[in-house]
Amino acid sequence: MATYRDRAVVLRKLDYGEADRIFTLLTRDHGKVGAIAKGVRKPASKLGPSLELYGHIDVLLARGRGELDVVAQVERVPGYRIEGSMERIAHAALIA
């Protein structure tokens, strides 16, 4: 599987199955990308805390067979602090 790394903002998340979650990411180099994170809803997941709504992340994605890429690694990037301001959350929701 081919992989690529990019900076992204999490625009949307949707629970899928028992432990997975589907994300819509706005990436710097690849535009709007759909991705699935396997097992992210399990309590022991290492990916879960970094993949919060409107979070600014550095993500490693593997090309999927269909429309969704697979999240292989994610790291939160310090910066925007969207979650601290209701006005910023409203602007992010408008963009999403």
N, C-alpha and C. Protein backbone atom coordinates (compact mmCIF):
# COMPACT_ATOMS: atom_id res chain seq x y z
N MET A 1 0.83 -1.19 0.00
CA MET A 1 0.00 0.00 0.00
C MET A 1 0.87 1.25 0.00
N ALA A 2 0.53 2.19 -0.85
CA ALA A 2 1.25 3.45 -0.89
C ALA A 2 0.80 4.34 0.27
N THR A 3 1.75 5.02 0.88
CA THR A 3 1.42 5.91 2.00
C THR A 3 1.83 7.33 1.67
N TYR A 4 1.21 8.26 2.36
CA TYR A 4 1.59 9.66 2.24
C TYR A 4 1.32 10.37 3.55
N ARG A 5 2.10 11.41 3.81
CA ARG A 5 1.98 12.19 5.04
C ARG A 5 1.53 13.60 4.67
N ASP A 6 0.64 14.16 5.51
CA ASP A 6 0.13 15.49 5.21
C ASP A 6 -0.36 16.15 6.50
N ARG A 7 -0.47 17.46 6.49
CA ARG A 7 -1.11 18.21 7.58
C ARG A 7 -2.59 18.29 7.27
N ALA A 8 -3.43 18.22 8.31
CA ALA A 8 -4.87 18.21 8.07
C ALA A 8 -5.63 18.80 9.24
N VAL A 9 -6.88 19.16 8.96
CA VAL A 9 -7.84 19.57 9.97
C VAL A 9 -9.00 18.59 9.87
N VAL A 10 -9.46 18.07 11.00
CA VAL A 10 -10.57 17.12 11.03
C VAL A 10 -11.88 17.91 10.89
N LEU A 11 -12.59 17.69 9.79
CA LEU A 11 -13.83 18.41 9.53
C LEU A 11 -15.07 17.68 10.04
N ARG A 12 -15.05 16.36 9.94
CA ARG A 12 -16.24 15.58 10.29
C ARG A 12 -15.81 14.20 10.76
N LYS A 13 -16.59 13.61 11.67
CA LYS A 13 -16.34 12.24 12.08
C LYS A 13 -17.65 11.50 12.20
N LEU A 14 -17.62 10.21 11.87
CA LEU A 14 -18.82 9.38 11.84
C LEU A 14 -18.46 8.00 12.37
N ASP A 15 -19.18 7.54 13.39
CA ASP A 15 -18.93 6.20 13.92
C ASP A 15 -19.29 5.16 12.87
N TYR A 16 -18.44 4.13 12.78
CA TYR A 16 -18.63 3.08 11.79
C TYR A 16 -18.33 1.74 12.45
N GLY A 17 -19.30 0.88 12.46
CA GLY A 17 -19.10 -0.43 13.07
C GLY A 17 -18.95 -0.30 14.58
N GLU A 18 -18.29 -1.29 15.16
CA GLU A 18 -18.17 -1.34 16.61
C GLU A 18 -17.04 -0.47 17.16
N ALA A 19 -15.93 -0.39 16.44
CA ALA A 19 -14.77 0.31 16.99
C ALA A 19 -14.11 1.29 16.02
N ASP A 20 -14.64 1.41 14.82
CA ASP A 20 -14.00 2.25 13.81
C ASP A 20 -14.71 3.59 13.69
N ARG A 21 -14.06 4.52 13.03
CA ARG A 21 -14.65 5.83 12.81
C ARG A 21 -14.17 6.35 11.44
N ILE A 22 -15.08 6.97 10.70
CA ILE A 22 -14.76 7.56 9.40
C ILE A 22 -14.60 9.07 9.59
N PHE A 23 -13.55 9.62 8.98
CA PHE A 23 -13.24 11.04 9.11
C PHE A 23 -13.21 11.71 7.75
N THR A 24 -13.58 12.98 7.73
CA THR A 24 -13.36 13.84 6.57
C THR A 24 -12.27 14.81 6.99
N LEU A 25 -11.18 14.80 6.25
CA LEU A 25 -10.02 15.63 6.56
C LEU A 25 -9.80 16.65 5.45
N LEU A 26 -9.44 17.85 5.83
CA LEU A 26 -9.03 18.86 4.87
C LEU A 26 -7.51 18.94 4.96
N THR A 27 -6.83 18.41 3.95
CA THR A 27 -5.37 18.33 3.98
C THR A 27 -4.74 19.46 3.18
N ARG A 28 -3.50 19.73 3.47
CA ARG A 28 -2.78 20.82 2.81
C ARG A 28 -2.50 20.49 1.34
N ASP A 29 -2.01 19.29 1.06
CA ASP A 29 -1.57 18.95 -0.30
C ASP A 29 -2.57 18.11 -1.10
N HIS A 30 -3.48 17.40 -0.43
CA HIS A 30 -4.38 16.47 -1.13
C HIS A 30 -5.85 16.90 -1.09
N GLY A 31 -6.13 18.07 -0.53
CA GLY A 31 -7.51 18.56 -0.50
C GLY A 31 -8.36 17.82 0.52
N LYS A 32 -9.63 17.64 0.18
CA LYS A 32 -10.57 16.98 1.08
C LYS A 32 -10.44 15.46 0.90
N VAL A 33 -10.17 14.76 2.01
CA VAL A 33 -9.89 13.33 1.97
C VAL A 33 -10.80 12.60 2.95
N GLY A 34 -11.33 11.48 2.52
CA GLY A 34 -12.07 10.59 3.42
C GLY A 34 -11.12 9.53 3.95
N ALA A 35 -11.18 9.26 5.25
CA ALA A 35 -10.27 8.29 5.85
C ALA A 35 -10.98 7.51 6.94
N ILE A 36 -10.55 6.28 7.14
CA ILE A 36 -11.09 5.45 8.21
C ILE A 36 -9.98 5.13 9.20
N ALA A 37 -10.31 5.23 10.47
CA ALA A 37 -9.37 4.88 11.54
C ALA A 37 -9.90 3.62 12.20
N LYS A 38 -9.15 2.53 12.10
CA LYS A 38 -9.57 1.24 12.64
C LYS A 38 -9.32 1.19 14.14
N GLY A 39 -10.31 0.74 14.89
CA GLY A 39 -10.17 0.54 16.32
C GLY A 39 -10.03 1.79 17.15
N VAL A 40 -10.35 2.94 16.58
CA VAL A 40 -10.12 4.22 17.26
C VAL A 40 -11.06 4.43 18.45
N ARG A 41 -12.19 3.75 18.48
CA ARG A 41 -13.14 3.94 19.57
C ARG A 41 -12.88 3.01 20.76
N LYS A 42 -11.89 2.15 20.65
CA LYS A 42 -11.53 1.29 21.78
C LYS A 42 -10.81 2.12 22.83
N PRO A 43 -11.00 1.79 24.11
CA PRO A 43 -10.35 2.57 25.18
C PRO A 43 -8.82 2.61 25.10
N ALA A 44 -8.21 1.57 24.58
CA ALA A 44 -6.75 1.50 24.51
C ALA A 44 -6.17 2.10 23.23
N SER A 45 -6.99 2.72 22.41
CA SER A 45 -6.53 3.27 21.13
C SER A 45 -5.56 4.43 21.34
N LYS A 46 -4.48 4.41 20.57
CA LYS A 46 -3.51 5.50 20.64
C LYS A 46 -3.86 6.63 19.66
N LEU A 47 -4.70 6.34 18.69
CA LEU A 47 -5.08 7.34 17.69
C LEU A 47 -6.21 8.24 18.17
N GLY A 48 -7.08 7.72 19.01
CA GLY A 48 -8.30 8.41 19.41
C GLY A 48 -8.16 9.83 19.91
N PRO A 49 -7.31 10.09 20.90
CA PRO A 49 -7.22 11.45 21.45
C PRO A 49 -6.77 12.52 20.44
N SER A 50 -6.02 12.13 19.44
CA SER A 50 -5.52 13.11 18.46
C SER A 50 -6.52 13.43 17.38
N LEU A 51 -7.50 12.57 17.18
CA LEU A 51 -8.46 12.75 16.08
C LEU A 51 -9.76 13.38 16.56
N GLU A 52 -9.65 14.52 17.20
CA GLU A 52 -10.84 15.23 17.67
C GLU A 52 -11.32 16.21 16.61
N LEU A 53 -12.60 16.52 16.64
CA LEU A 53 -13.22 17.41 15.67
C LEU A 53 -12.51 18.77 15.64
N TYR A 54 -12.20 19.24 14.46
CA TYR A 54 -11.51 20.51 14.19
C TYR A 54 -10.06 20.52 14.72
N GLY A 55 -9.52 19.36 15.01
CA GLY A 55 -8.14 19.27 15.46
C GLY A 55 -7.17 19.43 14.30
N HIS A 56 -6.04 20.06 14.56
CA HIS A 56 -4.98 20.25 13.57
C HIS A 56 -3.98 19.13 13.78
N ILE A 57 -3.78 18.28 12.75
CA ILE A 57 -2.98 17.07 12.92
C ILE A 57 -1.98 16.90 11.79
N ASP A 58 -0.96 16.09 12.07
CA ASP A 58 -0.03 15.60 11.07
C ASP A 58 -0.36 14.12 10.94
N VAL A 59 -0.79 13.69 9.76
CA VAL A 59 -1.34 12.34 9.61
C VAL A 59 -0.60 11.56 8.52
N LEU A 60 -0.41 10.27 8.78
CA LEU A 60 0.15 9.34 7.80
C LEU A 60 -1.00 8.46 7.33
N LEU A 61 -1.29 8.52 6.04
CA LEU A 61 -2.42 7.78 5.47
C LEU A 61 -1.92 6.75 4.47
N ALA A 62 -2.57 5.59 4.45
CA ALA A 62 -2.30 4.56 3.46
C ALA A 62 -3.44 4.58 2.45
N ARG A 63 -3.13 4.51 1.19
CA ARG A 63 -4.17 4.50 0.16
C ARG A 63 -5.05 3.27 0.34
N GLY A 64 -6.35 3.50 0.38
CA GLY A 64 -7.30 2.40 0.51
C GLY A 64 -7.70 1.86 -0.84
N ARG A 65 -8.44 0.75 -0.82
CA ARG A 65 -8.89 0.15 -2.08
C ARG A 65 -10.07 0.92 -2.68
N GLY A 66 -10.87 1.53 -1.83
CA GLY A 66 -12.04 2.27 -2.31
C GLY A 66 -11.84 3.76 -2.18
N GLU A 67 -12.87 4.43 -1.70
CA GLU A 67 -12.82 5.88 -1.56
C GLU A 67 -12.12 6.33 -0.29
N LEU A 68 -12.00 5.45 0.70
CA LEU A 68 -11.44 5.83 1.99
C LEU A 68 -9.99 5.39 2.12
N ASP A 69 -9.14 6.31 2.57
CA ASP A 69 -7.78 5.95 2.93
C ASP A 69 -7.78 5.49 4.38
N VAL A 70 -6.70 4.85 4.81
CA VAL A 70 -6.62 4.30 6.15
C VAL A 70 -5.62 5.10 6.98
N VAL A 71 -6.04 5.54 8.16
CA VAL A 71 -5.16 6.30 9.05
C VAL A 71 -4.16 5.33 9.66
N ALA A 72 -2.87 5.56 9.41
CA ALA A 72 -1.82 4.70 9.94
C ALA A 72 -1.16 5.32 11.18
N GLN A 73 -1.03 6.63 11.19
CA GLN A 73 -0.37 7.31 12.29
C GLN A 73 -0.89 8.74 12.34
N VAL A 74 -1.02 9.28 13.54
CA VAL A 74 -1.49 10.65 13.68
C VAL A 74 -0.82 11.31 14.86
N GLU A 75 -0.50 12.59 14.69
CA GLU A 75 0.13 13.37 15.76
C GLU A 75 -0.51 14.75 15.77
N ARG A 76 -0.92 15.19 16.93
CA ARG A 76 -1.55 16.50 17.06
C ARG A 76 -0.50 17.60 16.89
N VAL A 77 -0.85 18.64 16.14
CA VAL A 77 0.05 19.76 15.90
C VAL A 77 -0.40 20.93 16.77
N PRO A 78 0.50 21.47 17.58
CA PRO A 78 0.10 22.63 18.39
C PRO A 78 -0.13 23.83 17.47
N GLY A 79 -1.10 24.63 17.85
CA GLY A 79 -1.32 25.80 17.00
C GLY A 79 -2.66 26.45 17.17
N TYR A 80 -3.61 26.08 16.35
CA TYR A 80 -4.84 26.85 16.17
C TYR A 80 -5.72 27.03 17.40
N ARG A 81 -5.78 26.11 18.31
CA ARG A 81 -6.59 26.22 19.53
C ARG A 81 -8.04 26.59 19.21
N ILE A 82 -8.62 25.90 18.27
CA ILE A 82 -10.01 26.16 17.88
C ILE A 82 -10.96 25.85 19.02
N GLU A 83 -10.69 24.79 19.76
CA GLU A 83 -11.62 24.34 20.79
C GLU A 83 -11.77 25.32 21.96
N GLY A 84 -10.93 26.31 22.07
CA GLY A 84 -11.00 27.26 23.17
C GLY A 84 -11.96 28.42 22.96
N SER A 85 -12.47 28.60 21.76
CA SER A 85 -13.29 29.77 21.45
C SER A 85 -14.56 29.35 20.68
N MET A 86 -15.71 29.79 21.17
CA MET A 86 -16.96 29.47 20.50
C MET A 86 -17.03 30.09 19.11
N GLU A 87 -16.45 31.26 18.95
CA GLU A 87 -16.44 31.92 17.65
C GLU A 87 -15.62 31.11 16.64
N ARG A 88 -14.48 30.60 17.05
CA ARG A 88 -13.64 29.79 16.16
C ARG A 88 -14.33 28.47 15.80
N ILE A 89 -15.02 27.87 16.76
CA ILE A 89 -15.76 26.63 16.49
C ILE A 89 -16.85 26.89 15.46
N ALA A 90 -17.55 28.02 15.59
CA ALA A 90 -18.60 28.37 14.63
C ALA A 90 -18.03 28.57 13.23
N HIS A 91 -16.88 29.21 13.13
CA HIS A 91 -16.23 29.42 11.83
C HIS A 91 -15.81 28.08 11.22
N ALA A 92 -15.25 27.19 12.04
CA ALA A 92 -14.83 25.88 11.55
C ALA A 92 -16.03 25.06 11.09
N ALA A 93 -17.14 25.13 11.82
CA ALA A 93 -18.35 24.40 11.43
C ALA A 93 -18.90 24.94 10.11
N LEU A 94 -18.79 26.22 9.89
CA LEU A 94 -19.26 26.83 8.65
C LEU A 94 -18.44 26.33 7.46
N ILE A 95 -17.14 26.20 7.65
CA ILE A 95 -16.26 25.70 6.59
C ILE A 95 -16.54 24.24 6.29
N ALA A 96 -16.77 23.46 7.35
CA ALA A 96 -17.00 22.01 7.19
C ALA A 96 -18.28 21.78 6.44
